[in-house]
Amino acid sequence: MFRLAVRRVAPSVLPSSSRRCLSSTSFLRSSTPQWEELIGGREGVERKKKAYEGKYAAAMEAKAKAEGVSIDELKQRQSVLEAKQKAAAEEARALRQPPPVDTAGPVPAGSEKSVEQGQVVRPPPSAEDDTAKAARAFTKPKDASDSPVKPLHSIMDLSKAAQLDSSAIAQLWTTYHQAKGFLSAAIPTATYEKMVQSGKKYPIFVLPLARDVVGALPDGTETPSAVEMYLLEWALLPPPSTVSEPVPYPSTVLFTPLAEYKARQTYSQPYLILSHYTDLAASHNVVLMRGEISDNVALDQVHAQVLAVRMQMFYHDTGLGGEKEEERRA
């Protein structure tokens, strides 16, 4: 029988590379920065933090130099911009959450008087979905002082406007807002009432908006136009306090990218807000529309105009039994 002899080798005769492999992990921890970052060591975290702060300071200095201002002025400007964005988000949330309303009961279905006055009734009770929740916005608001939208009398002098005819008011309205960078329109009262009645039936709708894609495919061909979906939401406002005769209720229409709404739901920011003023609906047979694009959003004047026009196309007498619907079916 053979006996296997085991010879013990002293550590001193091992090559240096083998000794390094047999060294303890404490040596690696103390000499390898990557290890510190992996295990979350204080030194690794501090090193990474200082590197980030250095890059941020360099970027701020370069931007301040390019704009010809100091770093403090640049930070102050950024603070003002963030405050404006926060105020716009709070205003958007206020629009989505109207004041408490009187929900004693729906208006009878055969009431012609309510339709002539522009009153919009709640749809029949249904499942608790987004459509049913948005339909509650079409109940009667309580008081004009609760409206989050800027009133018409703060935009134009209604006493002077009363002395003008409808065409002159429409021209002044559109010219003023074009110079200010707003969307605007003068809508006949009958057309607006039809739009509101369609909005009562369909308070939530989705509109497609074509978008140009920058760049080209790898094979050199041009990329086709992409389509961005926008969520449209109707909501009634309190009646104007400047008139005593019956007029349709004013309203707002919010346009929010569908992806933004899915991500943030109630806290999503609308990109476009259309406000309809009915103060002159009875006296001049016109409803004034004002469209405002939110700050720092990816929506320009042209695409906002497309959204407003498509909304009017879909909501102007598009319900079953309407004239345009009958023309399409003929």
Protein backbone atom coordinates (compact mmCIF):
# COMPACT_ATOMS: atom_id res chain seq x y z
CA MET A 1 0.00 0.00 0.00
CA PHE A 2 1.27 3.35 -0.96
CA ARG A 3 1.27 6.26 1.53
CA LEU A 4 0.54 9.77 0.24
CA ALA A 5 3.00 12.24 1.63
CA VAL A 6 1.81 15.79 2.18
CA ARG A 7 4.42 18.45 2.32
CA ARG A 8 3.56 21.66 4.06
CA VAL A 9 4.84 24.68 2.23
CA ALA A 10 5.82 27.68 4.21
CA PRO A 11 4.07 30.95 3.29
CA SER A 12 7.43 32.63 2.68
CA VAL A 13 8.18 30.45 -0.34
CA LEU A 14 4.91 31.27 -2.08
CA PRO A 15 5.11 33.78 -4.94
CA SER A 16 3.97 37.31 -4.22
CA SER A 17 0.93 36.98 -6.48
CA SER A 18 -0.31 34.00 -4.46
CA ARG A 19 0.18 35.88 -1.22
CA ARG A 20 -1.95 38.70 -2.59
CA CYS A 21 -4.74 36.24 -3.42
CA LEU A 22 -4.66 34.85 0.12
CA SER A 23 -4.82 38.29 1.72
CA SER A 24 -7.87 39.18 3.75
CA THR A 25 -10.80 41.19 2.43
CA SER A 26 -9.97 44.00 4.84
CA PHE A 27 -7.05 44.91 2.59
CA LEU A 28 -9.43 45.23 -0.39
CA ARG A 29 -11.87 47.29 1.59
CA SER A 30 -9.22 49.78 2.56
CA SER A 31 -7.59 50.10 -0.87
CA THR A 32 -10.43 49.81 -3.43
CA PRO A 33 -12.81 52.79 -3.82
CA GLN A 34 -15.24 50.64 -5.84
CA TRP A 35 -15.72 48.40 -2.84
CA GLU A 36 -16.67 51.37 -0.70
CA GLU A 37 -19.31 52.44 -3.19
CA LEU A 38 -20.70 48.90 -3.41
CA ILE A 39 -21.12 48.49 0.33
CA GLY A 40 -22.20 52.13 0.86
CA GLY A 41 -19.21 53.20 2.87
CA ARG A 42 -19.06 56.77 4.10
CA GLU A 43 -15.91 57.63 2.15
CA GLY A 44 -17.33 56.34 -1.13
CA VAL A 45 -20.58 58.22 -0.65
CA GLU A 46 -18.79 61.45 0.24
CA ARG A 47 -16.50 61.10 -2.78
CA LYS A 48 -19.46 60.59 -5.09
CA LYS A 49 -21.31 63.54 -3.53
CA LYS A 50 -18.34 65.89 -3.96
CA ALA A 51 -17.93 64.82 -7.59
CA TYR A 52 -21.61 65.56 -8.29
CA GLU A 53 -21.45 68.94 -6.54
CA GLY A 54 -18.39 69.83 -8.55
CA LYS A 55 -20.10 69.02 -11.83
CA TYR A 56 -23.22 70.97 -10.78
CA ALA A 57 -21.19 74.02 -9.77
CA ALA A 58 -19.28 73.93 -13.05
CA ALA A 59 -22.52 73.70 -15.02
CA MET A 60 -24.06 76.60 -13.08
CA GLU A 61 -20.96 78.72 -13.60
CA ALA A 62 -20.94 78.00 -17.35
CA LYS A 63 -24.64 78.84 -17.68
CA ALA A 64 -24.28 82.05 -15.66
CA LYS A 65 -21.32 83.10 -17.79
CA ALA A 66 -23.24 82.40 -21.00
CA GLU A 67 -26.21 84.51 -19.85
CA GLY A 68 -24.04 87.26 -18.43
CA VAL A 69 -25.33 87.05 -14.85
CA SER A 70 -23.96 85.96 -11.53
CA ILE A 71 -24.57 82.56 -9.99
CA ASP A 72 -26.73 84.10 -7.24
CA GLU A 73 -28.92 85.83 -9.83
CA LEU A 74 -29.24 82.57 -11.74
CA LYS A 75 -30.32 80.71 -8.58
CA GLN A 76 -32.83 83.44 -7.76
CA ARG A 77 -34.27 83.20 -11.27
CA GLN A 78 -34.59 79.43 -10.89
CA SER A 79 -36.42 79.88 -7.57
CA VAL A 80 -38.92 82.26 -9.19
CA LEU A 81 -39.50 79.80 -12.03
CA GLU A 82 -40.13 76.93 -9.59
CA ALA A 83 -42.58 79.12 -7.64
CA LYS A 84 -44.52 79.86 -10.86
CA GLN A 85 -44.65 76.17 -11.73
CA LYS A 86 -45.96 75.34 -8.26
CA ALA A 87 -48.64 78.04 -8.54
CA ALA A 88 -49.70 76.74 -11.95
CA ALA A 89 -49.98 73.20 -10.58
CA GLU A 90 -52.10 74.41 -7.65
CA GLU A 91 -54.37 76.33 -10.02
CA ALA A 92 -54.75 73.22 -12.17
CA ARG A 93 -55.70 71.17 -9.12
CA ALA A 94 -58.28 73.84 -8.19
CA LEU A 95 -59.80 73.56 -11.66
CA ARG A 96 -60.05 69.79 -11.30
CA GLN A 97 -61.70 70.08 -7.88
CA PRO A 98 -64.68 72.48 -8.22
CA PRO A 99 -66.42 73.87 -5.12
CA PRO A 100 -69.23 71.87 -3.45
CA VAL A 101 -72.31 71.78 -5.63
CA ASP A 102 -76.00 71.27 -5.14
CA THR A 103 -76.79 67.68 -6.07
CA ALA A 104 -80.37 67.54 -4.83
CA GLY A 105 -81.43 65.74 -7.99
CA PRO A 106 -81.21 65.75 -11.77
CA VAL A 107 -83.26 68.12 -13.90
CA PRO A 108 -86.27 66.36 -15.49
CA ALA A 109 -85.48 64.98 -18.92
CA GLY A 110 -88.21 66.93 -20.71
CA SER A 111 -87.37 70.36 -19.36
CA GLU A 112 -86.95 72.65 -22.38
CA LYS A 113 -86.40 75.70 -20.17
CA SER A 114 -83.20 74.32 -18.69
CA VAL A 115 -81.79 73.66 -22.16
CA GLU A 116 -82.59 77.16 -23.37
CA GLN A 117 -80.82 78.67 -20.36
CA GLY A 118 -77.76 76.51 -20.90
CA GLN A 119 -78.17 74.49 -17.71
CA VAL A 120 -76.42 71.15 -17.93
CA VAL A 121 -77.78 68.21 -15.94
CA ARG A 122 -76.03 65.24 -14.41
CA PRO A 123 -76.05 62.04 -16.43
CA PRO A 124 -77.98 59.06 -15.03
CA PRO A 125 -76.33 57.20 -12.12
CA SER A 126 -73.77 54.71 -13.31
CA ALA A 127 -70.65 52.87 -12.16
CA GLU A 128 -67.98 54.80 -10.31
CA ASP A 129 -65.64 55.39 -13.22
CA ASP A 130 -63.84 58.44 -14.55
CA THR A 131 -66.75 59.40 -16.80
CA ALA A 132 -69.24 59.42 -13.92
CA LYS A 133 -66.89 61.48 -11.75
CA ALA A 134 -66.30 64.05 -14.48
CA ALA A 135 -70.05 64.29 -15.13
CA ARG A 136 -70.52 65.72 -11.63
CA ALA A 137 -68.80 68.87 -12.85
CA PHE A 138 -71.95 69.59 -14.87
CA THR A 139 -74.10 70.27 -11.82
CA LYS A 140 -74.96 73.80 -10.85
CA PRO A 141 -72.12 75.68 -9.06
CA LYS A 142 -72.93 77.78 -6.02
CA ASP A 143 -71.28 81.17 -6.24
CA ALA A 144 -69.22 83.13 -8.76
CA SER A 145 -66.74 84.09 -6.03
CA ASP A 146 -65.66 80.43 -5.80
CA SER A 147 -64.49 80.28 -9.42
CA PRO A 148 -60.73 79.76 -9.87
CA VAL A 149 -60.87 81.33 -13.36
CA LYS A 150 -60.22 85.03 -13.93
CA PRO A 151 -63.61 86.77 -14.42
CA LEU A 152 -64.42 88.57 -17.65
CA HIS A 153 -64.88 91.99 -16.02
CA SER A 154 -61.22 91.88 -14.92
CA ILE A 155 -60.14 91.43 -18.55
CA MET A 156 -62.36 93.94 -20.36
CA ASP A 157 -64.56 96.90 -19.45
CA LEU A 158 -68.07 95.49 -19.75
CA SER A 159 -69.72 98.90 -19.47
CA LYS A 160 -67.93 100.04 -22.63
CA ALA A 161 -68.43 96.69 -24.32
CA ALA A 162 -72.19 97.05 -23.83
CA GLN A 163 -72.15 99.99 -26.26
CA LEU A 164 -70.57 97.92 -29.08
CA ASP A 165 -72.13 95.37 -31.38
CA SER A 166 -71.19 91.69 -31.50
CA SER A 167 -68.79 91.96 -34.45
CA ALA A 168 -66.85 94.82 -32.85
CA ILE A 169 -66.55 92.93 -29.56
CA ALA A 170 -65.37 89.80 -31.36
CA GLN A 171 -62.74 91.76 -33.30
CA LEU A 172 -61.43 93.53 -30.18
CA TRP A 173 -61.35 90.26 -28.23
CA THR A 174 -59.39 88.29 -30.79
CA THR A 175 -57.00 91.15 -31.60
CA TYR A 176 -56.18 91.72 -27.93
CA HIS A 177 -55.48 88.07 -27.18
CA GLN A 178 -53.50 87.54 -30.35
CA ALA A 179 -51.12 90.28 -29.22
CA LYS A 180 -50.87 88.68 -25.75
CA GLY A 181 -50.15 85.19 -27.09
CA PHE A 182 -53.47 83.60 -26.09
CA LEU A 183 -55.94 81.59 -28.11
CA SER A 184 -59.30 83.32 -28.54
CA ALA A 185 -62.61 83.03 -30.32
CA ALA A 186 -66.10 84.55 -30.36
CA ILE A 187 -68.69 81.76 -30.41
CA PRO A 188 -72.42 82.27 -31.14
CA THR A 189 -74.55 81.49 -28.10
CA ALA A 190 -76.54 78.76 -29.88
CA THR A 191 -73.32 77.02 -30.95
CA TYR A 192 -71.93 77.16 -27.42
CA GLU A 193 -75.12 75.68 -25.95
CA LYS A 194 -74.89 72.74 -28.36
CA MET A 195 -71.27 72.20 -27.37
CA VAL A 196 -72.18 72.21 -23.68
CA GLN A 197 -75.01 69.75 -24.23
CA SER A 198 -72.57 67.42 -25.99
CA GLY A 199 -70.13 67.97 -23.13
CA LYS A 200 -72.86 66.91 -20.71
CA LYS A 201 -73.11 63.57 -22.50
CA TYR A 202 -69.36 63.14 -23.02
CA PRO A 203 -67.49 65.10 -20.29
CA ILE A 204 -64.29 63.13 -20.98
CA PHE A 205 -62.87 62.55 -24.43
CA VAL A 206 -59.52 61.69 -26.01
CA LEU A 207 -58.15 63.68 -28.95
CA PRO A 208 -55.21 62.68 -31.17
CA LEU A 209 -52.52 65.24 -31.95
CA ALA A 210 -49.98 64.58 -34.70
CA ARG A 211 -46.38 65.24 -33.70
CA ASP A 212 -43.29 65.49 -35.92
CA VAL A 213 -40.51 63.07 -35.01
CA VAL A 214 -36.99 64.50 -35.13
CA GLY A 215 -34.35 62.31 -36.75
CA ALA A 216 -34.37 59.38 -39.13
CA LEU A 217 -34.38 55.62 -39.02
CA PRO A 218 -31.07 53.71 -39.19
CA ASP A 219 -31.68 52.79 -42.83
CA GLY A 220 -31.87 56.49 -43.76
CA THR A 221 -35.63 56.76 -44.29
CA GLU A 222 -37.57 59.52 -42.60
CA THR A 223 -39.59 58.59 -39.54
CA PRO A 224 -43.38 58.92 -39.82
CA SER A 225 -45.31 61.40 -37.72
CA ALA A 226 -46.10 60.23 -34.20
CA VAL A 227 -49.48 60.72 -32.52
CA GLU A 228 -49.85 62.05 -28.97
CA MET A 229 -53.16 61.46 -27.20
CA TYR A 230 -54.70 64.26 -25.13
CA LEU A 231 -57.35 63.84 -22.45
CA LEU A 232 -60.11 66.45 -22.68
CA GLU A 233 -62.22 67.32 -19.61
CA TRP A 234 -65.25 69.62 -19.37
CA ALA A 235 -66.24 71.46 -16.17
CA LEU A 236 -68.90 74.09 -15.44
CA LEU A 237 -68.09 77.34 -13.61
CA PRO A 238 -70.33 79.45 -11.36
CA PRO A 239 -72.69 81.82 -13.21
CA PRO A 240 -71.32 85.32 -13.94
CA SER A 241 -72.16 87.94 -11.34
CA THR A 242 -72.25 90.78 -13.88
CA VAL A 243 -75.58 89.83 -15.48
CA SER A 244 -79.10 89.47 -14.13
CA GLU A 245 -80.78 87.76 -17.07
CA PRO A 246 -80.48 83.99 -17.60
CA VAL A 247 -77.36 82.99 -19.53
CA PRO A 248 -75.60 79.66 -20.12
CA TYR A 249 -73.10 78.68 -17.49
CA PRO A 250 -69.46 79.43 -18.30
CA SER A 251 -67.12 76.47 -18.54
CA THR A 252 -63.53 75.35 -18.84
CA VAL A 253 -62.02 72.62 -20.96
CA LEU A 254 -58.73 71.08 -19.81
CA PHE A 255 -56.33 69.37 -22.22
CA THR A 256 -53.78 67.05 -20.59
CA PRO A 257 -51.46 64.54 -22.31
CA LEU A 258 -52.85 61.09 -21.67
CA ALA A 259 -49.44 59.84 -20.52
CA GLU A 260 -49.23 62.70 -17.99
CA TYR A 261 -52.71 61.92 -16.68
CA LYS A 262 -51.99 58.21 -16.32
CA ALA A 263 -48.82 58.95 -14.36
CA ARG A 264 -50.17 61.64 -12.00
CA GLN A 265 -53.98 61.35 -12.16
CA THR A 266 -55.57 64.26 -10.23
CA TYR A 267 -52.22 66.02 -9.80
CA SER A 268 -51.39 66.05 -13.50
CA GLN A 269 -50.85 69.47 -15.07
CA PRO A 270 -53.09 70.49 -18.00
CA TYR A 271 -51.14 71.81 -20.97
CA LEU A 272 -54.02 73.92 -22.35
CA ILE A 273 -57.02 75.52 -20.58
CA LEU A 274 -59.95 76.92 -22.56
CA SER A 275 -62.29 79.27 -20.66
CA HIS A 276 -65.73 80.21 -22.02
CA TYR A 277 -67.28 83.49 -20.79
CA THR A 278 -71.05 83.89 -21.10
CA ASP A 279 -71.46 87.41 -19.68
CA LEU A 280 -72.50 88.76 -23.11
CA ALA A 281 -74.47 85.71 -24.25
CA ALA A 282 -77.89 87.31 -23.70
CA SER A 283 -77.12 90.92 -24.65
CA HIS A 284 -74.85 90.32 -27.67
CA ASN A 285 -75.50 86.65 -28.52
CA VAL A 286 -71.80 85.80 -28.21
CA VAL A 287 -69.66 83.65 -25.90
CA LEU A 288 -66.02 84.65 -25.61
CA MET A 289 -63.36 81.93 -25.48
CA ARG A 290 -59.86 82.39 -24.06
CA GLY A 291 -57.18 79.70 -24.33
CA GLU A 292 -54.06 79.71 -22.16
CA ILE A 293 -51.04 77.43 -22.57
CA SER A 294 -49.38 76.46 -19.29
CA ASP A 295 -45.81 77.55 -18.63
CA ASN A 296 -42.89 75.23 -19.40
CA VAL A 297 -44.87 72.59 -21.29
CA ALA A 298 -44.17 70.96 -24.66
CA LEU A 299 -47.09 72.58 -26.51
CA ASP A 300 -46.82 75.47 -28.93
CA GLN A 301 -49.44 77.87 -30.30
CA VAL A 302 -50.06 75.90 -33.49
CA HIS A 303 -50.73 72.57 -31.78
CA ALA A 304 -52.89 74.27 -29.15
CA GLN A 305 -55.00 75.76 -31.94
CA VAL A 306 -55.38 72.29 -33.47
CA LEU A 307 -56.66 70.90 -30.17
CA ALA A 308 -59.17 73.74 -29.77
CA VAL A 309 -60.51 73.35 -33.32
CA ARG A 310 -60.87 69.58 -32.98
CA MET A 311 -62.71 69.99 -29.72
CA GLN A 312 -65.23 72.28 -31.44
CA MET A 313 -65.58 69.82 -34.31
CA PHE A 314 -66.40 66.91 -32.01
CA TYR A 315 -68.65 68.77 -29.56
CA HIS A 316 -70.60 71.05 -31.91
CA ASP A 317 -73.85 69.18 -32.54
CA THR A 318 -72.21 65.77 -32.73
CA GLY A 319 -74.66 63.90 -30.52
CA LEU A 320 -77.23 61.46 -31.85
CA GLY A 321 -80.10 63.31 -33.49
CA GLY A 322 -78.01 66.40 -34.26
CA GLU A 323 -78.05 68.04 -37.66
CA LYS A 324 -74.43 67.26 -38.45
CA GLU A 325 -74.87 63.69 -37.31
CA GLU A 326 -77.87 63.33 -39.62
CA GLU A 327 -75.84 64.80 -42.51
CA ARG A 328 -73.08 62.25 -41.97
CA ARG A 329 -75.57 59.38 -41.90
CA ALA A 330 -77.38 60.58 -45.06
